[in-house]
Amino acid sequence: MQSCLAGRYFNLAAFQAEQMVGFYIGEKAGPDFTLMDICVAPDFQGQGIAKQLLAAFIGYGEQHNAENLFLEVRETNTRAIALYEQAGFSEMSVRKDYYPSDDPAKNGHEDAILMGMTLLFGQLT
């Protein structure tokens, strides 16, 4: 478990009173950072917490001179995709049949959308 809490991984949690209501986990891989997971408790969704956590992830990347930020998201998670696009991420690729799905129309699997954002474009020497 320590390997997920130190070294190349970083995280942030959001609290209301003493209750954790959301978090993200990121990973540093060379000059690139990946958003491994972002989650907001169901009772607290729709309050801008995910937007604040995503902004913190982007800010962490900027503060630590990340060149690029990456993430992946289920193709059916349209709310998350809209949030990521609003923040400046764009679709880069698709991982076919990446996630398991209970939707019969998906034949047991669902695609993952790979998204990315360049932070230091044109600033490299």
Protein backbone atom coordinates (compact mmCIF):
# COMPACT_ATOMS: atom_id res chain seq x y z
CA MET A 1 0.00 0.00 0.00
CA GLN A 2 2.89 2.39 0.65
CA SER A 3 3.78 2.37 -3.05
CA CYS A 4 0.38 3.95 -3.79
CA LEU A 5 0.85 6.70 -1.21
CA ALA A 6 4.39 7.83 -1.93
CA GLY A 7 7.00 7.99 -4.65
CA ARG A 8 5.47 8.62 -8.04
CA TYR A 9 1.88 8.79 -6.75
CA PHE A 10 0.18 11.87 -5.30
CA ASN A 11 -3.33 12.54 -4.08
CA LEU A 12 -5.74 15.01 -2.60
CA ALA A 13 -8.96 14.56 -0.65
CA ALA A 14 -11.92 16.91 -0.30
CA PHE A 15 -13.67 17.13 3.06
CA GLN A 16 -16.89 18.68 4.32
CA ALA A 17 -16.74 18.94 8.09
CA GLU A 18 -14.82 15.78 8.96
CA GLN A 19 -16.26 13.63 6.17
CA MET A 20 -14.21 12.82 3.08
CA VAL A 21 -16.48 13.54 0.12
CA GLY A 22 -14.05 13.12 -2.77
CA PHE A 23 -10.49 12.47 -3.81
CA TYR A 24 -8.11 12.09 -6.71
CA ILE A 25 -5.02 9.95 -7.20
CA GLY A 26 -2.37 10.97 -9.70
CA GLU A 27 0.80 9.36 -10.98
CA LYS A 28 4.05 10.94 -12.17
CA ALA A 29 5.65 9.11 -15.10
CA GLY A 30 8.64 11.08 -16.28
CA PRO A 31 7.46 14.53 -17.40
CA ASP A 32 3.84 13.35 -17.70
CA PHE A 33 1.19 13.09 -15.00
CA THR A 34 -1.83 10.80 -15.17
CA LEU A 35 -5.10 11.17 -13.31
CA MET A 36 -5.55 7.59 -12.13
CA ASP A 37 -8.83 8.09 -10.29
CA ILE A 38 -11.16 10.88 -9.30
CA CYS A 39 -14.23 10.21 -7.21
CA VAL A 40 -16.97 12.15 -5.43
CA ALA A 41 -19.41 10.47 -3.05
CA PRO A 42 -22.86 10.17 -4.66
CA ASP A 43 -24.58 12.41 -2.09
CA PHE A 44 -22.10 15.21 -2.89
CA GLN A 45 -22.07 15.04 -6.69
CA GLY A 46 -23.25 18.07 -8.63
CA GLN A 47 -21.74 20.54 -6.14
CA GLY A 48 -18.53 21.34 -8.06
CA ILE A 49 -16.28 19.10 -5.96
CA ALA A 50 -14.99 17.15 -8.97
CA LYS A 51 -14.25 20.44 -10.73
CA GLN A 52 -12.24 21.64 -7.72
CA LEU A 53 -10.34 18.35 -7.49
CA LEU A 54 -9.58 18.42 -11.22
CA ALA A 55 -8.38 22.03 -10.95
CA ALA A 56 -6.11 20.97 -8.08
CA PHE A 57 -4.71 18.11 -10.20
CA ILE A 58 -3.98 20.50 -13.07
CA GLY A 59 -2.46 23.03 -10.66
CA TYR A 60 -0.24 20.35 -9.16
CA GLY A 61 0.97 19.47 -12.66
CA GLU A 62 1.72 23.12 -13.40
CA GLN A 63 3.56 23.62 -10.10
CA HIS A 64 5.67 20.52 -10.71
CA ASN A 65 6.45 21.34 -14.36
CA ALA A 66 4.52 18.48 -15.94
CA GLU A 67 4.66 18.58 -19.72
CA ASN A 68 1.42 16.67 -20.29
CA LEU A 69 -1.58 15.46 -18.30
CA PHE A 70 -3.48 12.31 -19.22
CA LEU A 71 -6.60 10.47 -18.09
CA GLU A 72 -9.06 7.88 -19.31
CA VAL A 73 -12.80 7.79 -18.89
CA ARG A 74 -15.68 5.47 -19.76
CA GLU A 75 -17.28 6.47 -23.04
CA THR A 76 -20.69 6.59 -21.33
CA ASN A 77 -19.54 8.96 -18.56
CA THR A 78 -20.68 12.05 -20.42
CA ARG A 79 -20.69 14.27 -17.32
CA ALA A 80 -17.02 13.53 -16.67
CA ILE A 81 -16.10 13.94 -20.35
CA ALA A 82 -17.80 17.37 -20.40
CA LEU A 83 -15.90 18.38 -17.23
CA TYR A 84 -12.58 17.27 -18.70
CA GLU A 85 -13.24 19.10 -21.97
CA GLN A 86 -14.24 22.24 -20.07
CA ALA A 87 -10.92 22.04 -18.21
CA GLY A 88 -8.95 21.82 -21.48
CA PHE A 89 -8.49 18.09 -22.04
CA SER A 90 -9.11 16.69 -25.51
CA GLU A 91 -9.69 13.20 -26.84
CA MET A 92 -6.52 11.51 -28.03
CA SER A 93 -7.43 7.87 -28.56
CA VAL A 94 -9.83 5.07 -27.67
CA ARG A 95 -9.13 1.82 -25.85
CA LYS A 96 -11.64 -0.65 -27.26
CA ASP A 97 -13.53 -2.88 -24.82
CA TYR A 98 -11.45 -1.60 -21.88
CA TYR A 99 -14.07 -1.49 -19.12
CA PRO A 100 -16.50 -4.25 -18.15
CA SER A 101 -20.13 -3.28 -18.72
CA ASP A 102 -23.50 -4.67 -17.67
CA ASP A 103 -25.16 -3.01 -20.67
CA PRO A 104 -26.36 -5.80 -23.00
CA ALA A 105 -25.86 -3.51 -25.99
CA LYS A 106 -22.14 -3.30 -25.13
CA ASN A 107 -21.52 -7.07 -25.20
CA GLY A 108 -19.98 -6.97 -21.73
CA HIS A 109 -17.41 -4.26 -22.46
CA GLU A 110 -17.19 -0.53 -22.93
CA ASP A 111 -14.55 1.67 -24.55
CA ALA A 112 -12.27 4.01 -22.64
CA ILE A 113 -11.65 7.48 -24.03
CA LEU A 114 -8.03 8.60 -23.56
CA MET A 115 -7.75 12.33 -23.02
CA GLY A 116 -4.77 14.62 -22.65
CA MET A 117 -3.67 18.18 -22.07
CA THR A 118 -0.31 19.78 -22.91
CA LEU A 119 0.96 22.15 -20.24
CA LEU A 120 4.44 23.15 -21.43
CA PHE A 121 3.95 23.25 -25.20
CA GLY A 122 6.43 25.67 -26.73
CA GLN A 123 8.16 26.36 -23.41
CA LEU A 124 10.72 23.56 -23.63
CA THR A 125 14.31 24.46 -24.38
